[in-house]
C-alpha atoms as a PDB file:
ATOM      1  CA  UNK A   1      13.587 -16.789  14.139  1.00  0.00           C
ATOM      2  CA  UNK A   2      16.936 -17.385  12.506  1.00  0.00           C
ATOM      3  CA  UNK A   3      19.733 -14.807  12.823  1.00  0.00           C
ATOM      4  CA  UNK A   4      19.475 -14.161   9.079  1.00  0.00           C
ATOM      5  CA  UNK A   5      15.776 -13.352   9.330  1.00  0.00           C
ATOM      6  CA  UNK A   6      16.331 -11.021  12.287  1.00  0.00           C
ATOM      7  CA  UNK A   7      19.084  -9.230  10.355  1.00  0.00           C
ATOM      8  CA  UNK A   8      16.898  -8.898   7.267  1.00  0.00           C
ATOM      9  CA  UNK A   9      13.938  -7.432   9.155  1.00  0.00           C
ATOM     10  CA  UNK A  10      16.121  -5.085  11.197  1.00  0.00           C
ATOM     11  CA  UNK A  11      18.033  -3.762   8.189  1.00  0.00           C
ATOM     12  CA  UNK A  12      14.812  -3.100   6.282  1.00  0.00           C
ATOM     13  CA  UNK A  13      13.567  -1.084   9.257  1.00  0.00           C
ATOM     14  CA  UNK A  14      16.902   0.695   9.792  1.00  0.00           C
ATOM     15  CA  UNK A  15      17.157   1.697   6.136  1.00  0.00           C
ATOM     16  CA  UNK A  16      13.877   3.606   6.428  1.00  0.00           C
ATOM     17  CA  UNK A  17      14.794   5.226   9.738  1.00  0.00           C
ATOM     18  CA  UNK A  18      18.406   6.216   9.003  1.00  0.00           C
ATOM     19  CA  UNK A  19      18.092   7.971   5.647  1.00  0.00           C
ATOM     20  CA  UNK A  20      18.948  11.386   7.086  1.00  0.00           C
ATOM     21  CA  UNK A  21      21.755  10.270   9.421  1.00  0.00           C
ATOM     22  CA  UNK A  22      25.178  11.847   8.956  1.00  0.00           C
ATOM     23  CA  UNK A  23      27.916   9.724   7.283  1.00  0.00           C
ATOM     24  CA  UNK A  24      29.482   8.812  10.623  1.00  0.00           C
ATOM     25  CA  UNK A  25      26.250   7.231  11.853  1.00  0.00           C
ATOM     26  CA  UNK A  26      24.594   6.045   8.651  1.00  0.00           C
ATOM     27  CA  UNK A  27      23.413   2.620   7.512  1.00  0.00           C
ATOM     28  CA  UNK A  28      26.950   1.616   6.493  1.00  0.00           C
ATOM     29  CA  UNK A  29      28.120   2.353  10.034  1.00  0.00           C
ATOM     30  CA  UNK A  30      25.314   0.114  11.317  1.00  0.00           C
ATOM     31  CA  UNK A  31      26.361  -2.575   8.833  1.00  0.00           C
ATOM     32  CA  UNK A  32      29.998  -2.471   9.949  1.00  0.00           C
ATOM     33  CA  UNK A  33      29.067  -2.563  13.643  1.00  0.00           C
ATOM     34  CA  UNK A  34      26.655  -5.425  12.962  1.00  0.00           C
ATOM     35  CA  UNK A  35      29.359  -7.497  11.251  1.00  0.00           C
ATOM     36  CA  UNK A  36      31.848  -6.792  14.020  1.00  0.00           C
ATOM     37  CA  UNK A  37      29.280  -7.584  16.708  1.00  0.00           C
ATOM     38  CA  UNK A  38      28.328 -10.887  15.102  1.00  0.00           C
ATOM     39  CA  UNK A  39      31.987 -11.849  14.827  1.00  0.00           C
ATOM     40  CA  UNK A  40      32.617 -10.971  18.477  1.00  0.00           C
ATOM     41  CA  UNK A  41      29.426 -12.735  19.559  1.00  0.00           C
ATOM     42  CA  UNK A  42      30.536 -15.908  17.799  1.00  0.00           C
ATOM     43  CA  UNK A  43      33.911 -15.817  19.538  1.00  0.00           C
ATOM     44  CA  UNK A  44      32.541 -14.892  22.969  1.00  0.00           C
ATOM     45  CA  UNK A  45      29.297 -16.909  22.993  1.00  0.00           C
ATOM     46  CA  UNK A  46      26.790 -14.041  23.116  1.00  0.00           C
ATOM     47  CA  UNK A  47      23.080 -14.263  22.259  1.00  0.00           C
ATOM     48  CA  UNK A  48      22.536 -13.236  18.630  1.00  0.00           C
ATOM     49  CA  UNK A  49      18.841 -12.555  19.259  1.00  0.00           C
ATOM     50  CA  UNK A  50      20.033  -9.603  21.344  1.00  0.00           C
ATOM     51  CA  UNK A  51      23.242  -8.662  19.544  1.00  0.00           C
ATOM     52  CA  UNK A  52      21.781  -8.441  16.027  1.00  0.00           C
ATOM     53  CA  UNK A  53      18.931  -5.940  16.586  1.00  0.00           C
ATOM     54  CA  UNK A  54      21.011  -3.948  19.074  1.00  0.00           C
ATOM     55  CA  UNK A  55      23.943  -3.590  16.677  1.00  0.00           C
ATOM     56  CA  UNK A  56      21.792  -2.640  13.688  1.00  0.00           C
ATOM     57  CA  UNK A  57      19.631  -0.209  15.640  1.00  0.00           C
ATOM     58  CA  UNK A  58      22.091   1.333  18.093  1.00  0.00           C
ATOM     59  CA  UNK A  59      22.301   4.579  16.074  1.00  0.00           C
ATOM     60  CA  UNK A  60      18.802   4.512  14.656  1.00  0.00           C
ATOM     61  CA  UNK A  61      18.254   8.067  15.873  1.00  0.00           C
ATOM     62  CA  UNK A  62      21.256  10.393  16.095  1.00  0.00           C
ATOM     63  CA  UNK A  63      20.910  13.997  17.146  1.00  0.00           C
ATOM     64  CA  UNK A  64      23.827  16.325  16.309  1.00  0.00           C
ATOM     65  CA  UNK A  65      26.691  16.073  18.810  1.00  0.00           C
ATOM     66  CA  UNK A  66      26.488  19.810  19.464  1.00  0.00           C
ATOM     67  CA  UNK A  67      22.736  19.617  20.152  1.00  0.00           C
ATOM     68  CA  UNK A  68      21.153  19.539  23.614  1.00  0.00           C
ATOM     69  CA  UNK A  69      19.196  16.498  22.437  1.00  0.00           C
ATOM     70  CA  UNK A  70      22.372  14.530  21.732  1.00  0.00           C
ATOM     71  CA  UNK A  71      22.209  12.719  25.082  1.00  0.00           C
ATOM     72  CA  UNK A  72      18.771  11.374  24.144  1.00  0.00           C
ATOM     73  CA  UNK A  73      19.915   9.622  20.963  1.00  0.00           C
ATOM     74  CA  UNK A  74      20.483   6.214  22.570  1.00  0.00           C
ATOM     75  CA  UNK A  75      17.274   6.323  24.615  1.00  0.00           C
ATOM     76  CA  UNK A  76      15.177   7.213  21.593  1.00  0.00           C
ATOM     77  CA  UNK A  77      16.957   4.631  19.419  1.00  0.00           C
ATOM     78  CA  UNK A  78      16.314   1.919  22.006  1.00  0.00           C
ATOM     79  CA  UNK A  79      12.637   2.851  22.220  1.00  0.00           C
ATOM     80  CA  UNK A  80      12.197   2.699  18.439  1.00  0.00           C
ATOM     81  CA  UNK A  81      13.957  -0.660  18.194  1.00  0.00           C
ATOM     82  CA  UNK A  82      11.822  -2.059  21.024  1.00  0.00           C
ATOM     83  CA  UNK A  83       8.637  -0.879  19.334  1.00  0.00           C
ATOM     84  CA  UNK A  84       9.749  -2.488  16.084  1.00  0.00           C
ATOM     85  CA  UNK A  85      10.645  -5.819  17.722  1.00  0.00           C
ATOM     86  CA  UNK A  86       7.314  -5.932  19.528  1.00  0.00           C
ATOM     87  CA  UNK A  87       5.665  -5.914  16.112  1.00  0.00           C
ATOM     88  CA  UNK A  88       7.507  -9.053  14.995  1.00  0.00           C
ATOM     89  CA  UNK A  89       5.418 -12.047  16.057  1.00  0.00           C
ATOM     90  CA  UNK A  90       8.268 -14.554  16.263  1.00  0.00           C
ATOM     91  CA  UNK A  91      10.783 -12.382  18.091  1.00  0.00           C
ATOM     92  CA  UNK A  92      11.197 -13.465  21.756  1.00  0.00           C
ATOM     93  CA  UNK A  93       9.545 -10.782  23.892  1.00  0.00           C
ATOM     94  CA  UNK A  94      11.677 -11.610  26.926  1.00  0.00           C
ATOM     95  CA  UNK A  95      14.821 -10.405  25.101  1.00  0.00           C
ATOM     96  CA  UNK A  96      13.610  -6.946  24.104  1.00  0.00           C
ATOM     97  CA  UNK A  97      14.646  -5.356  27.410  1.00  0.00           C
ATOM     98  CA  UNK A  98      18.181  -6.729  26.942  1.00  0.00           C
ATOM     99  CA  UNK A  99      18.297  -5.243  23.433  1.00  0.00           C
ATOM    100  CA  UNK A 100      17.222  -1.856  24.799  1.00  0.00           C
ATOM    101  CA  UNK A 101      19.812  -2.020  27.584  1.00  0.00           C
ATOM    102  CA  UNK A 102      22.649  -2.775  25.155  1.00  0.00           C
ATOM    103  CA  UNK A 103      21.720   0.242  23.037  1.00  0.00           C
ATOM    104  CA  UNK A 104      21.286   2.560  26.018  1.00  0.00           C
ATOM    105  CA  UNK A 105      24.765   1.880  27.447  1.00  0.00           C
ATOM    106  CA  UNK A 106      26.635   1.679  24.134  1.00  0.00           C
ATOM    107  CA  UNK A 107      27.851   5.282  23.871  1.00  0.00           C
ATOM    108  CA  UNK A 108      31.583   5.945  24.434  1.00  0.00           C
ATOM    109  CA  UNK A 109      30.954   9.408  25.823  1.00  0.00           C
ATOM    110  CA  UNK A 110      28.602   8.165  28.553  1.00  0.00           C
ATOM    111  CA  UNK A 111      31.402   6.061  30.009  1.00  0.00           C
ATOM    112  CA  UNK A 112      29.023   3.339  31.233  1.00  0.00           C
ATOM    113  CA  UNK A 113      30.466  -0.134  31.859  1.00  0.00           C
ATOM    114  CA  UNK A 114      27.898  -2.695  30.630  1.00  0.00           C
ATOM    115  CA  UNK A 115      26.898  -5.585  32.869  1.00  0.00           C
ATOM    116  CA  UNK A 116      25.683  -8.063  30.232  1.00  0.00           C
ATOM    117  CA  UNK A 117      27.821  -9.903  27.704  1.00  0.00           C
ATOM    118  CA  UNK A 118      25.659  -8.739  24.805  1.00  0.00           C
ATOM    119  CA  UNK A 119      25.965  -5.082  25.830  1.00  0.00           C
ATOM    120  CA  UNK A 120      29.734  -5.517  26.148  1.00  0.00           C
ATOM    121  CA  UNK A 121      29.823  -7.020  22.652  1.00  0.00           C
ATOM    122  CA  UNK A 122      27.883  -4.090  21.187  1.00  0.00           C
ATOM    123  CA  UNK A 123      30.040  -1.526  22.966  1.00  0.00           C
ATOM    124  CA  UNK A 124      33.200  -3.267  21.754  1.00  0.00           C
ATOM    125  CA  UNK A 125      31.915  -3.405  18.166  1.00  0.00           C
ATOM    126  CA  UNK A 126      30.982   0.273  18.222  1.00  0.00           C
ATOM    127  CA  UNK A 127      34.312   1.185  19.834  1.00  0.00           C
ATOM    128  CA  UNK A 128      36.175  -0.609  17.054  1.00  0.00           C
ATOM    129  CA  UNK A 129      34.570   1.896  14.679  1.00  0.00           C
ATOM    130  CA  UNK A 130      36.404   4.585  16.662  1.00  0.00           C
ATOM    131  CA  UNK A 131      39.893   3.232  16.002  1.00  0.00           C
ATOM    132  CA  UNK A 132      41.689   2.726  12.681  1.00  0.00           C
ATOM    133  CA  UNK A 133      41.206   3.997   9.125  1.00  0.00           C
ATOM    134  CA  UNK A 134      37.408   4.166   9.238  1.00  0.00           C
ATOM    135  CA  UNK A 135      37.642   6.033  12.533  1.00  0.00           C
ATOM    136  CA  UNK A 136      39.741   8.729  10.858  1.00  0.00           C
ATOM    137  CA  UNK A 137      37.139   9.142   8.111  1.00  0.00           C
ATOM    138  CA  UNK A 138      34.339   9.319  10.675  1.00  0.00           C
ATOM    139  CA  UNK A 139      36.224  11.816  12.824  1.00  0.00           C
ATOM    140  CA  UNK A 140      36.707  14.346  10.052  1.00  0.00           C
ATOM    141  CA  UNK A 141      33.245  13.763   8.592  1.00  0.00           C
ATOM    142  CA  UNK A 142      31.725  14.641  11.970  1.00  0.00           C
ATOM    143  CA  UNK A 143      34.054  17.602  12.335  1.00  0.00           C
ATOM    144  CA  UNK A 144      32.932  18.948   8.979  1.00  0.00           C
ATOM    145  CA  UNK A 145      29.254  18.616   9.843  1.00  0.00           C
ATOM    146  CA  UNK A 146      29.864  20.644  13.018  1.00  0.00           C
ATOM    147  CA  UNK A 147      32.162  23.175  11.321  1.00  0.00           C
ATOM    148  CA  UNK A 148      35.122  22.289  13.533  1.00  0.00           C
ATOM    149  CA  UNK A 149      38.693  23.299  12.739  1.00  0.00           C
ATOM    150  CA  UNK A 150      40.886  20.340  11.734  1.00  0.00           C
ATOM    151  CA  UNK A 151      43.637  21.092  14.258  1.00  0.00           C
ATOM    152  CA  UNK A 152      45.079  23.808  16.463  1.00  0.00           C
ATOM    153  CA  UNK A 153      47.407  25.994  14.355  1.00  0.00           C
ATOM    154  CA  UNK A 154      49.580  26.713  17.405  1.00  0.00           C
ATOM    155  CA  UNK A 155      49.823  23.164  18.770  1.00  0.00           C
ATOM    156  CA  UNK A 156      48.299  20.523  16.446  1.00  0.00           C
ATOM    157  CA  UNK A 157      49.404  17.517  18.510  1.00  0.00           C
ATOM    158  CA  UNK A 158      48.532  18.730  22.016  1.00  0.00           C
ATOM    159  CA  UNK A 159      52.151  18.912  23.141  1.00  0.00           C
ATOM    160  CA  UNK A 160      51.691  21.975  25.344  1.00  0.00           C
ATOM    161  CA  UNK A 161      47.938  22.002  25.972  1.00  0.00           C
ATOM    162  CA  UNK A 162      45.049  19.793  26.990  1.00  0.00           C
ATOM    163  CA  UNK A 163      43.074  18.316  24.063  1.00  0.00           C
ATOM    164  CA  UNK A 164      39.860  20.129  23.177  1.00  0.00           C
ATOM    165  CA  UNK A 165      37.847  17.784  20.973  1.00  0.00           C
ATOM    166  CA  UNK A 166      34.902  20.177  20.953  1.00  0.00           C
ATOM    167  CA  UNK A 167      37.052  22.677  19.061  1.00  0.00           C
ATOM    168  CA  UNK A 168      39.578  20.666  17.047  1.00  0.00           C
ATOM    169  CA  UNK A 169      38.961  17.439  15.118  1.00  0.00           C
ATOM    170  CA  UNK A 170      42.492  16.101  15.575  1.00  0.00           C
ATOM    171  CA  UNK A 171      42.199  16.395  19.342  1.00  0.00           C
ATOM    172  CA  UNK A 172      39.663  13.564  19.268  1.00  0.00           C
ATOM    173  CA  UNK A 173      42.578  11.221  18.587  1.00  0.00           C
ATOM    174  CA  UNK A 174      43.846  11.943  22.092  1.00  0.00           C
ATOM    175  CA  UNK A 175      40.513  11.949  23.914  1.00  0.00           C
ATOM    176  CA  UNK A 176      38.901   8.990  22.126  1.00  0.00           C
ATOM    177  CA  UNK A 177      40.575   7.161  19.238  1.00  0.00           C
ATOM    178  CA  UNK A 178      43.826   6.348  21.041  1.00  0.00           C
ATOM    179  CA  UNK A 179      41.892   5.445  24.199  1.00  0.00           C
ATOM    180  CA  UNK A 180      39.741   2.751  22.611  1.00  0.00           C
ATOM    181  CA  UNK A 181      42.012  -0.238  23.182  1.00  0.00           C
ATOM    182  CA  UNK A 182      42.028   0.180  26.961  1.00  0.00           C
ATOM    183  CA  UNK A 183      38.219   0.534  27.035  1.00  0.00           C
ATOM    184  CA  UNK A 184      37.447  -2.765  25.298  1.00  0.00           C
ATOM    185  CA  UNK A 185      35.919  -5.652  27.249  1.00  0.00           C
ATOM    186  CA  UNK A 186      36.758  -8.735  25.197  1.00  0.00           C
ATOM    187  CA  UNK A 187      40.104 -10.207  24.219  1.00  0.00           C
ATOM    188  CA  UNK A 188      38.804 -10.697  20.679  1.00  0.00           C
ATOM    189  CA  UNK A 189      38.080  -6.989  20.313  1.00  0.00           C
ATOM    190  CA  UNK A 190      41.466  -6.042  21.755  1.00  0.00           C
ATOM    191  CA  UNK A 191      43.172  -8.221  19.144  1.00  0.00           C
ATOM    192  CA  UNK A 192      41.220  -6.470  16.386  1.00  0.00           C
ATOM    193  CA  UNK A 193      42.020  -3.055  17.821  1.00  0.00           C
ATOM    194  CA  UNK A 194      45.781  -3.515  17.994  1.00  0.00           C
ATOM    195  CA  UNK A 195      46.616  -3.011  14.274  1.00  0.00           C
ATOM    196  CA  UNK A 196      44.027  -0.243  14.066  1.00  0.00           C
ATOM    197  CA  UNK A 197      45.703   1.643  16.890  1.00  0.00           C
ATOM    198  CA  UNK A 198      49.054   1.175  15.178  1.00  0.00           C
ATOM    199  CA  UNK A 199      47.603   2.749  12.027  1.00  0.00           C
ATOM    200  CA  UNK A 200      46.473   5.807  14.005  1.00  0.00           C
ATOM    201  CA  UNK A 201      50.051   6.351  15.166  1.00  0.00           C
ATOM    202  CA  UNK A 202      51.271   5.975  11.579  1.00  0.00           C
ATOM    203  CA  UNK A 203      48.755   8.586  10.450  1.00  0.00           C
ATOM    204  CA  UNK A 204      49.903  11.018  13.139  1.00  0.00           C
ATOM    205  CA  UNK A 205      53.540  10.436  12.196  1.00  0.00           C
ATOM    206  CA  UNK A 206      52.808  11.221   8.548  1.00  0.00           C
ATOM    207  CA  UNK A 207      50.759  14.266   9.505  1.00  0.00           C
ATOM    208  CA  UNK A 208      53.696  15.536  11.554  1.00  0.00           C
ATOM    209  CA  UNK A 209      55.772  15.498   8.365  1.00  0.00           C
ATOM    210  CA  UNK A 210      53.142  17.405   6.397  1.00  0.00           C
ATOM    211  CA  UNK A 211      52.162  20.226   8.732  1.00  0.00           C
ATOM    212  CA  UNK A 212      54.272  23.401   8.599  1.00  0.00           C
ATOM    213  CA  UNK A 213      54.120  23.746  12.393  1.00  0.00           C
ATOM    214  CA  UNK A 214      55.988  20.476  12.917  1.00  0.00           C
ATOM    215  CA  UNK A 215      57.968  20.107   9.677  1.00  0.00           C
ATOM    216  CA  UNK A 216      60.583  22.834   9.924  1.00  0.00           C
END
């Protein structure tokens, strides 16, 4: 199968499965991760047969972050993708396990270091969605869906306290968004992350000027 055919089949499947996903993990997120992953794969020499279905299907099933089932999202997504690929006659069966592995270790919060190039590519592509302008949109979209407060009224920028991303949306900048660059595996991804990280700092600088707690 050609990469284009794999992409077409996988996106048709993902569109049906992801209709109820939140905006931070919807089909557009899958599309952005897919494009990033294919770019990284081309630069790093990864297997597109693995990277394409893994990138499109990595968030096929997403349970709410504040749900006890949240930790099962990747496992269930991997299982659904595997089942789908097994139904495609021309897809190489010997690569399905590698696709499942890439999806299972992708999550930032699990802190797993992948051992295969394709899994590293997927994790890098997904991490790049957690830094930059899109990352800011995703952060506050997720916060809204979980009814989180935007920031701590007493200490918005975690100057005198430890960040609590479970309570305040802005705190995720310190626990995740600003940590992305050091977590990336490939030089290509690090180069893409650099201007995105710079934009995060610019956003925080502007926010400092706008909040009454820090603009006195």
